[in-house]
C-alpha atoms as a PDB file:
ATOM      1  CA  MET A   1      84.647  49.487 134.732  1.00  0.00           C
ATOM      2  CA  SER A   2      84.707  48.392 131.356  1.00  0.00           C
ATOM      3  CA  ASP A   3      83.914  52.127 130.411  1.00  0.00           C
ATOM      4  CA  SER A   4      87.511  53.390 132.150  1.00  0.00           C
ATOM      5  CA  TYR A   5      88.911  50.430 130.007  1.00  0.00           C
ATOM      6  CA  GLY A   6      87.294  51.996 126.954  1.00  0.00           C
ATOM      7  CA  LYS A   7      88.978  55.097 127.424  1.00  0.00           C
ATOM      8  CA  VAL A   8      92.163  53.507 127.855  1.00  0.00           C
ATOM      9  CA  ILE A   9      91.879  51.750 124.468  1.00  0.00           C
ATOM     10  CA  GLU A  10      90.979  55.075 123.563  1.00  0.00           C
ATOM     11  CA  LEU A  11      94.264  56.448 124.541  1.00  0.00           C
ATOM     12  CA  LEU A  12      95.935  53.674 122.762  1.00  0.00           C
ATOM     13  CA  ALA A  13      94.671  54.303 119.669  1.00  0.00           C
ATOM     14  CA  ILE A  14      95.924  58.086 119.977  1.00  0.00           C
ATOM     15  CA  LYS A  15      99.047  57.102 120.654  1.00  0.00           C
ATOM     16  CA  ALA A  16      99.441  54.737 117.643  1.00  0.00           C
ATOM     17  CA  ILE A  17      98.733  57.877 115.205  1.00  0.00           C
ATOM     18  CA  ARG A  18     101.383  58.788 113.198  1.00  0.00           C
ATOM     19  CA  HIS A  19      99.931  61.657 111.531  1.00  0.00           C
ATOM     20  CA  LEU A  20      98.192  64.658 112.355  1.00  0.00           C
ATOM     21  CA  ASP A  21      95.814  64.389 109.464  1.00  0.00           C
ATOM     22  CA  ASP A  22      94.534  60.593 111.089  1.00  0.00           C
ATOM     23  CA  VAL A  23      93.303  62.255 114.157  1.00  0.00           C
ATOM     24  CA  SER A  24      89.835  62.771 112.157  1.00  0.00           C
ATOM     25  CA  THR A  25      89.755  58.873 111.678  1.00  0.00           C
ATOM     26  CA  LEU A  26      89.180  58.574 115.578  1.00  0.00           C
ATOM     27  CA  SER A  27      85.357  58.464 115.925  1.00  0.00           C
ATOM     28  CA  PHE A  28      85.300  59.302 119.333  1.00  0.00           C
ATOM     29  CA  LEU A  29      87.092  62.958 118.654  1.00  0.00           C
ATOM     30  CA  SER A  30      84.704  63.482 115.863  1.00  0.00           C
ATOM     31  CA  ALA A  31      81.941  66.295 116.171  1.00  0.00           C
ATOM     32  CA  PRO A  32      78.241  64.255 116.485  1.00  0.00           C
ATOM     33  CA  PRO A  33      77.030  64.261 112.822  1.00  0.00           C
ATOM     34  CA  SER A  34      75.215  67.931 111.865  1.00  0.00           C
ATOM     35  CA  GLU A  35      71.578  68.015 111.092  1.00  0.00           C
ATOM     36  CA  PRO A  36      70.139  67.473 107.769  1.00  0.00           C
ATOM     37  CA  GLY A  37      70.620  70.350 105.259  1.00  0.00           C
ATOM     38  CA  PRO A  38      67.665  71.305 103.651  1.00  0.00           C
ATOM     39  CA  ALA A  39      66.317  69.530 101.103  1.00  0.00           C
ATOM     40  CA  GLU A  40      67.764  69.740  97.666  1.00  0.00           C
ATOM     41  CA  GLU A  41      65.904  69.055  94.252  1.00  0.00           C
ATOM     42  CA  VAL A  42      67.438  67.091  91.881  1.00  0.00           C
ATOM     43  CA  GLN A  43      66.351  66.271  87.801  1.00  0.00           C
ATOM     44  CA  THR A  44      66.834  63.125  87.075  1.00  0.00           C
ATOM     45  CA  ASP A  45      65.502  61.519  83.241  1.00  0.00           C
ATOM     46  CA  GLY A  46      61.908  62.273  82.657  1.00  0.00           C
ATOM     47  CA  ASN A  47      59.669  64.174  84.326  1.00  0.00           C
ATOM     48  CA  ARG A  48      60.380  62.910  87.774  1.00  0.00           C
ATOM     49  CA  ASN A  49      62.173  64.942  90.645  1.00  0.00           C
ATOM     50  CA  THR A  50      63.983  63.123  92.987  1.00  0.00           C
ATOM     51  CA  THR A  51      65.475  64.961  96.779  1.00  0.00           C
ATOM     52  CA  ARG A  52      68.595  64.401  98.396  1.00  0.00           C
ATOM     53  CA  SER A  53      69.530  65.608 101.865  1.00  0.00           C
ATOM     54  CA  ALA A  54      71.875  68.921 101.463  1.00  0.00           C
ATOM     55  CA  ARG A  55      74.775  67.519 104.576  1.00  0.00           C
ATOM     56  CA  LYS A  56      78.008  68.816 104.677  1.00  0.00           C
ATOM     57  CA  PRO A  57      80.967  66.410 105.802  1.00  0.00           C
ATOM     58  CA  HIS A  58      81.926  67.337 109.498  1.00  0.00           C
ATOM     59  CA  ARG A  59      85.442  67.329 109.897  1.00  0.00           C
ATOM     60  CA  LEU A  60      87.447  68.099 112.812  1.00  0.00           C
ATOM     61  CA  PRO A  61      89.209  71.491 112.530  1.00  0.00           C
ATOM     62  CA  LEU A  62      92.957  71.670 112.024  1.00  0.00           C
ATOM     63  CA  LYS A  63      93.591  73.738 115.304  1.00  0.00           C
ATOM     64  CA  LEU A  64      90.770  71.615 117.347  1.00  0.00           C
ATOM     65  CA  ALA A  65      92.731  68.487 116.297  1.00  0.00           C
ATOM     66  CA  SER A  66      96.157  69.473 117.091  1.00  0.00           C
ATOM     67  CA  ALA A  67      94.936  71.063 120.425  1.00  0.00           C
ATOM     68  CA  THR A  68      93.107  67.679 121.304  1.00  0.00           C
ATOM     69  CA  LEU A  69      95.897  65.669 120.027  1.00  0.00           C
ATOM     70  CA  MET A  70      99.058  67.460 122.240  1.00  0.00           C
ATOM     71  CA  SER A  71      96.620  67.962 125.416  1.00  0.00           C
ATOM     72  CA  LEU A  72      95.882  63.979 125.283  1.00  0.00           C
ATOM     73  CA  ILE A  73      99.374  63.123 124.499  1.00  0.00           C
ATOM     74  CA  PHE A  74     100.174  65.352 127.804  1.00  0.00           C
ATOM     75  CA  VAL A  75      97.761  63.117 129.656  1.00  0.00           C
ATOM     76  CA  VAL A  76      99.375  60.348 128.332  1.00  0.00           C
ATOM     77  CA  LEU A  77     102.933  61.445 129.175  1.00  0.00           C
ATOM     78  CA  LEU A  78     102.185  62.018 132.834  1.00  0.00           C
ATOM     79  CA  SER A  79     100.000  58.979 133.215  1.00  0.00           C
ATOM     80  CA  SER A  80     101.432  56.588 135.923  1.00  0.00           C
ATOM     81  CA  PHE A  81     100.623  53.119 134.302  1.00  0.00           C
ATOM     82  CA  ASN A  82     102.253  51.686 131.569  1.00  0.00           C
ATOM     83  CA  TYR A  83     100.337  51.352 128.124  1.00  0.00           C
ATOM     84  CA  SER A  84     102.246  48.496 126.716  1.00  0.00           C
ATOM     85  CA  TYR A  85      99.899  45.692 126.876  1.00  0.00           C
ATOM     86  CA  PRO A  86      96.197  46.702 128.807  1.00  0.00           C
ATOM     87  CA  SER A  87      96.483  43.911 130.745  1.00  0.00           C
ATOM     88  CA  ASP A  88      99.089  45.399 132.833  1.00  0.00           C
ATOM     89  CA  ILE A  89      97.235  48.755 133.408  1.00  0.00           C
ATOM     90  CA  ARG A  90      96.065  49.405 137.114  1.00  0.00           C
ATOM     91  CA  HIS A  91      92.436  49.849 137.657  1.00  0.00           C
ATOM     92  CA  GLU A  92      92.856  53.313 139.573  1.00  0.00           C
ATOM     93  CA  ALA A  93      95.457  54.783 137.221  1.00  0.00           C
ATOM     94  CA  ALA A  94      93.376  53.763 134.559  1.00  0.00           C
ATOM     95  CA  ILE A  95      89.905  55.532 136.079  1.00  0.00           C
ATOM     96  CA  THR A  96      91.970  58.578 136.523  1.00  0.00           C
ATOM     97  CA  ALA A  97      93.120  59.168 133.302  1.00  0.00           C
ATOM     98  CA  ALA A  98      90.250  58.234 131.492  1.00  0.00           C
ATOM     99  CA  ALA A  99      88.456  60.527 133.333  1.00  0.00           C
ATOM    100  CA  GLU A 100      91.039  63.359 132.348  1.00  0.00           C
ATOM    101  CA  VAL A 101      90.556  62.465 128.584  1.00  0.00           C
ATOM    102  CA  GLU A 102      86.715  62.905 128.728  1.00  0.00           C
ATOM    103  CA  THR A 103      86.707  66.194 130.977  1.00  0.00           C
ATOM    104  CA  VAL A 104      89.833  67.484 127.872  1.00  0.00           C
ATOM    105  CA  ILE A 105      87.656  65.875 125.176  1.00  0.00           C
ATOM    106  CA  GLN A 106      84.538  67.413 126.659  1.00  0.00           C
ATOM    107  CA  LEU A 107      86.344  71.351 127.392  1.00  0.00           C
ATOM    108  CA  LEU A 108      87.351  71.417 123.724  1.00  0.00           C
ATOM    109  CA  ALA A 109      84.223  70.380 122.163  1.00  0.00           C
ATOM    110  CA  GLU A 110      82.698  73.130 124.064  1.00  0.00           C
ATOM    111  CA  ASN A 111      85.276  76.112 123.581  1.00  0.00           C
ATOM    112  CA  ARG A 112      86.307  75.460 119.938  1.00  0.00           C
ATOM    113  CA  ASN A 113      85.524  78.432 118.937  1.00  0.00           C
ATOM    114  CA  ALA A 114      86.988  80.181 121.693  1.00  0.00           C
ATOM    115  CA  MET A 115      90.049  78.458 121.231  1.00  0.00           C
ATOM    116  CA  ILE A 116      90.325  79.025 117.848  1.00  0.00           C
ATOM    117  CA  ALA A 117      89.245  83.592 118.175  1.00  0.00           C
ATOM    118  CA  LYS A 118      91.247  84.139 120.811  1.00  0.00           C
ATOM    119  CA  PRO A 119      94.946  83.959 119.622  1.00  0.00           C
ATOM    120  CA  VAL A 120      93.266  85.608 116.408  1.00  0.00           C
ATOM    121  CA  ALA A 121      92.303  88.758 118.689  1.00  0.00           C
ATOM    122  CA  ALA A 122      95.120  88.601 120.615  1.00  0.00           C
ATOM    123  CA  SER A 123      97.471  88.772 117.818  1.00  0.00           C
ATOM    124  CA  VAL A 124      95.427  91.708 116.372  1.00  0.00           C
ATOM    125  CA  GLU A 125      95.325  93.633 119.656  1.00  0.00           C
ATOM    126  CA  LYS A 126      98.965  93.089 119.720  1.00  0.00           C
ATOM    127  CA  GLU A 127      99.487  94.482 115.870  1.00  0.00           C
ATOM    128  CA  ALA A 128      97.304  97.940 116.964  1.00  0.00           C
ATOM    129  CA  ASP A 129      99.901  97.898 120.265  1.00  0.00           C
ATOM    130  CA  SER A 130     103.046  97.847 117.816  1.00  0.00           C
ATOM    131  CA  LYS A 131     101.927 100.702 115.416  1.00  0.00           C
ATOM    132  CA  PRO A 132     103.244 103.989 116.647  1.00  0.00           C
ATOM    133  CA  ARG A 133     100.307 106.214 117.585  1.00  0.00           C
ATOM    134  CA  LYS A 134     100.406 109.525 115.305  1.00  0.00           C
ATOM    135  CA  GLU A 135     100.340 112.857 117.416  1.00  0.00           C
ATOM    136  CA  ILE A 136      98.213 115.384 115.688  1.00  0.00           C
ATOM    137  CA  LYS A 137      99.540 118.317 116.024  1.00  0.00           C
ATOM    138  CA  THR A 138      98.274 122.118 114.695  1.00  0.00           C
ATOM    139  CA  SER A 139     100.151 125.144 114.791  1.00  0.00           C
ATOM    140  CA  ALA A 140      98.913 128.575 114.165  1.00  0.00           C
ATOM    141  CA  ALA A 141      99.796 130.079 110.496  1.00  0.00           C
ATOM    142  CA  VAL A 142     103.556 130.936 109.672  1.00  0.00           C
ATOM    143  CA  PRO A 143     103.689 134.620 108.488  1.00  0.00           C
ATOM    144  CA  GLN A 144     105.079 134.199 104.924  1.00  0.00           C
ATOM    145  CA  LEU A 145     106.631 136.564 101.815  1.00  0.00           C
ATOM    146  CA  GLU A 146     106.376 135.727  98.049  1.00  0.00           C
ATOM    147  CA  LEU A 147     109.315 136.721  96.555  1.00  0.00           C
ATOM    148  CA  LYS A 148     108.935 138.568  93.289  1.00  0.00           C
ATOM    149  CA  ASP A 149     112.080 138.571  91.758  1.00  0.00           C
ATOM    150  CA  PHE A 150     113.885 135.682  90.469  1.00  0.00           C
ATOM    151  CA  ILE A 151     117.145 136.808  92.714  1.00  0.00           C
ATOM    152  CA  SER A 152     116.604 138.212  96.077  1.00  0.00           C
ATOM    153  CA  TYR A 153     118.846 140.312  97.878  1.00  0.00           C
ATOM    154  CA  SER A 154     116.515 141.553 100.314  1.00  0.00           C
ATOM    155  CA  ILE A 155     112.695 141.971 101.122  1.00  0.00           C
ATOM    156  CA  PRO A 156     110.243 144.704 101.702  1.00  0.00           C
ATOM    157  CA  LYS A 157     110.492 147.094 104.619  1.00  0.00           C
ATOM    158  CA  GLY A 158     108.639 146.063 107.707  1.00  0.00           C
ATOM    159  CA  TYR A 159     109.798 142.383 107.043  1.00  0.00           C
ATOM    160  CA  VAL A 160     112.609 140.270 108.030  1.00  0.00           C
ATOM    161  CA  ALA A 161     113.536 136.493 106.934  1.00  0.00           C
ATOM    162  CA  LEU A 162     115.619 134.575 109.494  1.00  0.00           C
ATOM    163  CA  THR A 163     117.091 132.096 106.969  1.00  0.00           C
ATOM    164  CA  PHE A 164     119.533 128.661 107.936  1.00  0.00           C
ATOM    165  CA  ASP A 165     121.757 127.106 105.937  1.00  0.00           C
ATOM    166  CA  ASP A 166     123.864 123.758 106.029  1.00  0.00           C
ATOM    167  CA  GLY A 167     120.692 121.606 107.120  1.00  0.00           C
ATOM    168  CA  PRO A 168     119.815 119.229 108.255  1.00  0.00           C
ATOM    169  CA  SER A 169     121.460 118.655 111.414  1.00  0.00           C
ATOM    170  CA  LYS A 170     120.906 117.319 115.263  1.00  0.00           C
ATOM    171  CA  HIS A 171     120.032 121.366 115.306  1.00  0.00           C
ATOM    172  CA  SER A 172     117.186 121.684 112.950  1.00  0.00           C
ATOM    173  CA  MET A 173     114.497 120.652 115.132  1.00  0.00           C
ATOM    174  CA  ASP A 174     115.722 122.630 117.897  1.00  0.00           C
ATOM    175  CA  ILE A 175     115.629 126.015 115.703  1.00  0.00           C
ATOM    176  CA  MET A 176     111.960 124.878 114.011  1.00  0.00           C
ATOM    177  CA  ASN A 177     110.887 124.542 118.197  1.00  0.00           C
ATOM    178  CA  VAL A 178     112.124 128.511 118.863  1.00  0.00           C
ATOM    179  CA  LEU A 179     110.543 129.708 115.948  1.00  0.00           C
ATOM    180  CA  LYS A 180     107.112 128.117 116.194  1.00  0.00           C
ATOM    181  CA  LYS A 181     107.407 129.074 120.004  1.00  0.00           C
ATOM    182  CA  HIS A 182     107.385 132.282 119.143  1.00  0.00           C
ATOM    183  CA  GLY A 183     104.736 132.342 116.117  1.00  0.00           C
ATOM    184  CA  VAL A 184     107.772 133.119 113.639  1.00  0.00           C
ATOM    185  CA  GLY A 185     108.592 131.978 110.162  1.00  0.00           C
ATOM    186  CA  GLY A 186     112.315 130.794 109.142  1.00  0.00           C
ATOM    187  CA  THR A 187     113.824 129.796 106.025  1.00  0.00           C
ATOM    188  CA  PHE A 188     115.832 126.249 105.921  1.00  0.00           C
ATOM    189  CA  PHE A 189     118.245 125.779 102.643  1.00  0.00           C
ATOM    190  CA  PHE A 190     119.101 122.210 103.356  1.00  0.00           C
ATOM    191  CA  VAL A 191     122.251 120.462 101.611  1.00  0.00           C
ATOM    192  CA  GLY A 192     121.786 117.063  99.737  1.00  0.00           C
ATOM    193  CA  THR A 193     123.826 115.005 101.567  1.00  0.00           C
ATOM    194  CA  ASN A 194     122.198 115.762 104.446  1.00  0.00           C
ATOM    195  CA  VAL A 195     118.894 115.454 103.568  1.00  0.00           C
ATOM    196  CA  LYS A 196     119.516 111.497 103.211  1.00  0.00           C
ATOM    197  CA  LYS A 197     120.897 111.612 106.502  1.00  0.00           C
ATOM    198  CA  HIS A 198     117.805 113.018 108.262  1.00  0.00           C
ATOM    199  CA  PRO A 199     114.471 113.082 106.008  1.00  0.00           C
ATOM    200  CA  ASP A 200     112.271 113.220 109.074  1.00  0.00           C
ATOM    201  CA  TYR A 201     113.523 116.569 110.132  1.00  0.00           C
ATOM    202  CA  VAL A 202     113.048 117.957 106.751  1.00  0.00           C
ATOM    203  CA  LYS A 203     109.342 116.222 106.834  1.00  0.00           C
ATOM    204  CA  ALA A 204     108.829 117.723 110.183  1.00  0.00           C
ATOM    205  CA  ILE A 205     109.959 121.294 109.382  1.00  0.00           C
ATOM    206  CA  HIS A 206     107.902 121.435 105.742  1.00  0.00           C
ATOM    207  CA  ALA A 207     105.065 119.329 107.789  1.00  0.00           C
ATOM    208  CA  ASN A 208     104.831 122.700 110.330  1.00  0.00           C
ATOM    209  CA  GLY A 209     104.671 125.091 108.074  1.00  0.00           C
ATOM    210  CA  TYR A 210     108.338 126.234 107.239  1.00  0.00           C
ATOM    211  CA  SER A 211     110.065 126.909 103.910  1.00  0.00           C
ATOM    212  CA  VAL A 212     112.633 124.580 102.323  1.00  0.00           C
ATOM    213  CA  GLY A 213     114.893 125.238  99.985  1.00  0.00           C
ATOM    214  CA  SER A 214     117.777 123.535  98.345  1.00  0.00           C
ATOM    215  CA  HIS A 215     121.660 124.566  99.265  1.00  0.00           C
ATOM    216  CA  SER A 216     122.941 122.445  96.302  1.00  0.00           C
ATOM    217  CA  MET A 217     123.758 118.310  96.435  1.00  0.00           C
ATOM    218  CA  THR A 218     127.085 118.599  97.889  1.00  0.00           C
ATOM    219  CA  HIS A 219     127.466 122.450  99.109  1.00  0.00           C
ATOM    220  CA  SER A 220     129.659 122.996  96.054  1.00  0.00           C
ATOM    221  CA  GLN A 221     131.449 126.199  94.701  1.00  0.00           C
ATOM    222  CA  MET A 222     128.896 126.948  91.612  1.00  0.00           C
ATOM    223  CA  PRO A 223     131.485 127.927  89.299  1.00  0.00           C
ATOM    224  CA  ASN A 224     134.718 125.710  89.690  1.00  0.00           C
ATOM    225  CA  LEU A 225     131.745 122.925  88.048  1.00  0.00           C
ATOM    226  CA  THR A 226     131.193 121.867  84.810  1.00  0.00           C
ATOM    227  CA  TYR A 227     127.596 122.936  83.465  1.00  0.00           C
ATOM    228  CA  GLU A 228     125.940 119.231  83.755  1.00  0.00           C
ATOM    229  CA  GLU A 229     127.864 119.047  87.171  1.00  0.00           C
ATOM    230  CA  GLN A 230     125.850 122.223  88.215  1.00  0.00           C
ATOM    231  CA  LYS A 231     122.531 120.756  86.962  1.00  0.00           C
ATOM    232  CA  ALA A 232     123.605 117.766  88.903  1.00  0.00           C
ATOM    233  CA  GLU A 233     123.775 119.733  92.348  1.00  0.00           C
ATOM    234  CA  LEU A 234     120.875 121.379  91.660  1.00  0.00           C
ATOM    235  CA  THR A 235     118.129 118.389  90.326  1.00  0.00           C
ATOM    236  CA  ARG A 236     120.016 115.673  92.646  1.00  0.00           C
ATOM    237  CA  ALA A 237     118.972 118.159  96.070  1.00  0.00           C
ATOM    238  CA  ALA A 238     115.563 119.027  94.748  1.00  0.00           C
ATOM    239  CA  ASP A 239     114.487 115.843  93.814  1.00  0.00           C
ATOM    240  CA  LEU A 240     115.327 114.093  97.348  1.00  0.00           C
ATOM    241  CA  ILE A 241     113.539 117.187  98.674  1.00  0.00           C
ATOM    242  CA  GLU A 242     110.376 116.868  96.737  1.00  0.00           C
ATOM    243  CA  HIS A 243     110.179 113.155  97.263  1.00  0.00           C
ATOM    244  CA  ILE A 244     109.744 114.222 100.952  1.00  0.00           C
ATOM    245  CA  THR A 245     107.460 116.918 100.480  1.00  0.00           C
ATOM    246  CA  ASP A 246     105.489 116.024  97.677  1.00  0.00           C
ATOM    247  CA  GLU A 247     105.625 119.348  96.670  1.00  0.00           C
ATOM    248  CA  LYS A 248     107.620 121.855  93.901  1.00  0.00           C
ATOM    249  CA  LEU A 249     110.576 123.012  95.356  1.00  0.00           C
ATOM    250  CA  VAL A 250     111.436 126.900  94.275  1.00  0.00           C
ATOM    251  CA  LEU A 251     113.872 127.925  96.446  1.00  0.00           C
ATOM    252  CA  PHE A 252     117.638 127.947  96.024  1.00  0.00           C
ATOM    253  CA  ARG A 253     120.871 129.107  97.493  1.00  0.00           C
ATOM    254  CA  PRO A 254     123.727 128.781  96.000  1.00  0.00           C
ATOM    255  CA  PRO A 255     126.788 127.534  98.394  1.00  0.00           C
ATOM    256  CA  TYR A 256     128.842 130.768  99.052  1.00  0.00           C
ATOM    257  CA  GLY A 257     126.726 132.881  97.426  1.00  0.00           C
ATOM    258  CA  ALA A 258     128.479 132.052  94.546  1.00  0.00           C
ATOM    259  CA  PHE A 259     126.972 131.319  91.077  1.00  0.00           C
ATOM    260  CA  ASP A 260     127.290 132.015  87.294  1.00  0.00           C
ATOM    261  CA  ASP A 261     125.597 132.517  83.978  1.00  0.00           C
ATOM    262  CA  ARG A 262     125.113 128.913  83.934  1.00  0.00           C
ATOM    263  CA  THR A 263     124.050 128.525  87.391  1.00  0.00           C
ATOM    264  CA  GLU A 264     121.143 131.432  86.635  1.00  0.00           C
ATOM    265  CA  ALA A 265     120.259 129.343  83.395  1.00  0.00           C
ATOM    266  CA  LEU A 266     119.340 126.517  84.951  1.00  0.00           C
ATOM    267  CA  SER A 267     117.924 127.906  87.906  1.00  0.00           C
ATOM    268  CA  ARG A 268     115.287 129.481  85.649  1.00  0.00           C
ATOM    269  CA  GLN A 269     114.674 126.289  83.816  1.00  0.00           C
ATOM    270  CA  GLN A 270     113.814 124.586  86.903  1.00  0.00           C
ATOM    271  CA  GLY A 271     111.757 127.024  87.828  1.00  0.00           C
ATOM    272  CA  ASN A 272     113.742 128.477  90.884  1.00  0.00           C
ATOM    273  CA  LYS A 273     114.062 131.464  92.732  1.00  0.00           C
ATOM    274  CA  VAL A 274     118.049 132.707  93.883  1.00  0.00           C
ATOM    275  CA  VAL A 275     118.031 133.541  97.190  1.00  0.00           C
ATOM    276  CA  LEU A 276     120.864 135.438  98.895  1.00  0.00           C
ATOM    277  CA  TRP A 277     121.135 137.955 101.638  1.00  0.00           C
ATOM    278  CA  ASN A 278     122.500 141.243 102.758  1.00  0.00           C
ATOM    279  CA  ARG A 279     122.780 140.804 106.197  1.00  0.00           C
ATOM    280  CA  ASP A 280     125.620 138.563 107.517  1.00  0.00           C
ATOM    281  CA  PRO A 281     126.854 138.282 111.428  1.00  0.00           C
ATOM    282  CA  GLU A 282     129.895 135.375 109.973  1.00  0.00           C
ATOM    283  CA  ASP A 283     127.866 133.300 112.682  1.00  0.00           C
ATOM    284  CA  TRP A 284     129.957 130.357 110.907  1.00  0.00           C
ATOM    285  CA  LEU A 285     132.937 131.724 112.164  1.00  0.00           C
ATOM    286  CA  THR A 286     132.533 132.940 115.575  1.00  0.00           C
ATOM    287  CA  ARG A 287     130.461 130.158 117.297  1.00  0.00           C
ATOM    288  CA  ASP A 288     129.530 132.888 119.515  1.00  0.00           C
ATOM    289  CA  GLU A 289     125.889 133.307 120.625  1.00  0.00           C
ATOM    290  CA  ASP A 290     126.752 136.943 122.118  1.00  0.00           C
ATOM    291  CA  LYS A 291     128.351 137.934 119.161  1.00  0.00           C
ATOM    292  CA  ILE A 292     125.839 137.053 116.735  1.00  0.00           C
ATOM    293  CA  LEU A 293     122.882 138.432 119.166  1.00  0.00           C
ATOM    294  CA  ASP A 294     125.048 141.708 118.996  1.00  0.00           C
ATOM    295  CA  TYR A 295     125.089 142.222 115.004  1.00  0.00           C
ATOM    296  CA  VAL A 296     121.470 141.543 114.863  1.00  0.00           C
ATOM    297  CA  GLN A 297     120.741 144.149 117.242  1.00  0.00           C
ATOM    298  CA  HIS A 298     123.029 146.524 115.550  1.00  0.00           C
ATOM    299  CA  ILE A 299     121.731 146.941 112.255  1.00  0.00           C
ATOM    300  CA  GLU A 300     119.224 147.899 110.303  1.00  0.00           C
ATOM    301  CA  ALA A 301     117.235 144.763 109.970  1.00  0.00           C
ATOM    302  CA  SER A 302     113.916 145.753 108.662  1.00  0.00           C
ATOM    303  CA  GLY A 303     113.966 144.478 104.667  1.00  0.00           C
ATOM    304  CA  SER A 304     116.635 142.205 105.083  1.00  0.00           C
ATOM    305  CA  ILE A 305     117.261 138.491 104.428  1.00  0.00           C
ATOM    306  CA  ILE A 306     119.720 137.706 107.529  1.00  0.00           C
ATOM    307  CA  LEU A 307     121.995 134.234 106.936  1.00  0.00           C
ATOM    308  CA  LEU A 308     122.157 132.066 109.623  1.00  0.00           C
ATOM    309  CA  HIS A 309     123.654 128.722 109.961  1.00  0.00           C
ATOM    310  CA  GLU A 310     122.667 125.657 111.640  1.00  0.00           C
ATOM    311  CA  SER A 311     124.447 125.464 115.171  1.00  0.00           C
ATOM    312  CA  GLN A 312     124.144 125.030 118.719  1.00  0.00           C
ATOM    313  CA  ALA A 313     125.158 129.228 119.172  1.00  0.00           C
ATOM    314  CA  VAL A 314     122.208 130.026 116.477  1.00  0.00           C
ATOM    315  CA  VAL A 315     120.145 127.455 118.682  1.00  0.00           C
ATOM    316  CA  ASP A 316     120.585 129.750 121.813  1.00  0.00           C
ATOM    317  CA  ALA A 317     121.114 133.355 120.559  1.00  0.00           C
ATOM    318  CA  LEU A 318     118.004 132.700 118.620  1.00  0.00           C
ATOM    319  CA  PRO A 319     114.789 133.866 121.395  1.00  0.00           C
ATOM    320  CA  LYS A 320     116.836 136.688 121.925  1.00  0.00           C
ATOM    321  CA  ILE A 321     116.660 137.874 118.392  1.00  0.00           C
ATOM    322  CA  ILE A 322     113.315 137.358 117.576  1.00  0.00           C
ATOM    323  CA  LYS A 323     113.034 139.750 120.900  1.00  0.00           C
ATOM    324  CA  SER A 324     114.940 142.207 119.474  1.00  0.00           C
ATOM    325  CA  LEU A 325     113.461 142.217 115.453  1.00  0.00           C
ATOM    326  CA  GLN A 326     109.914 142.272 117.094  1.00  0.00           C
ATOM    327  CA  ASP A 327     110.325 144.806 119.058  1.00  0.00           C
ATOM    328  CA  GLN A 328     111.175 146.684 116.500  1.00  0.00           C
ATOM    329  CA  GLY A 329     107.833 146.037 115.584  1.00  0.00           C
ATOM    330  CA  LEU A 330     109.109 143.887 112.371  1.00  0.00           C
ATOM    331  CA  THR A 331     107.422 140.865 110.743  1.00  0.00           C
ATOM    332  CA  ILE A 332     108.957 137.564 110.905  1.00  0.00           C
ATOM    333  CA  VAL A 333     108.336 135.720 107.902  1.00  0.00           C
ATOM    334  CA  SER A 334     109.052 132.425 105.964  1.00  0.00           C
ATOM    335  CA  LEU A 335     109.973 133.240 102.139  1.00  0.00           C
ATOM    336  CA  GLN A 336     107.939 131.571  99.176  1.00  0.00           C
END
């Protein structure tokens, strides 16, 4: 009976707590004193040495104290008796509440390490699950051809280059996937303003071994610009692409194939090769899959640089274009 009322007194002491730090002052919530540590030798005046026990003060961990206090408050709120005065406490309710308090304290003391470790482990597991898992992709080497000339309109016989202008766009990945499926090369000339919209496409295409070149920053007619404006068109687009690919940009295709002496001088300064073309199906005008394919099937494709633009018509025609070129024994390359 006295033990039960003792527990009730403990509940009253907890109820009187005004600050979380005061929990540690309650002797019945503190862990038993730890074993004395190893003796520590202390040098005093003279030749005498004395020893003292190296003890570390034991304080209830903050998380354990918080959990203990919240649990006990929960018990108090659910109890059916009045805590205003000890004399008003009913006998059965006091025994029940005291037993619950004793059980909670014992469980908390025995499992305090698990209580602290579990939220940490759960947090780490949740963080690991939230991180995107990187897919490791491998692909066969893409056929490549290094350009020897500063300005190129064609390539050696036996090879053909498929080039794609005006991206990146919503069609970029589809074009790349078709090229990848057939194990052939391709060269993409990207406009700076579109690079800003779709940097991930630039990164993916470059990572898969396809050549990436500049098509200026805003797709402007270069000869109509001042020297400084031309310089900005080249440098801004190059900076954007190089930041994504982490590689020096070497290919430049002037919009509309239009350039002048200033464009040449700026391209040489930046170490760029100017890539033009000698085959143009005018796919930007027709937007017709059949007409694009028909053009490619009726040209002398060997040694050609074929100009294409990113569109759904090109995506649809591309598998048949590749087959037609391969049937002629031609190697479809990425330009370098």
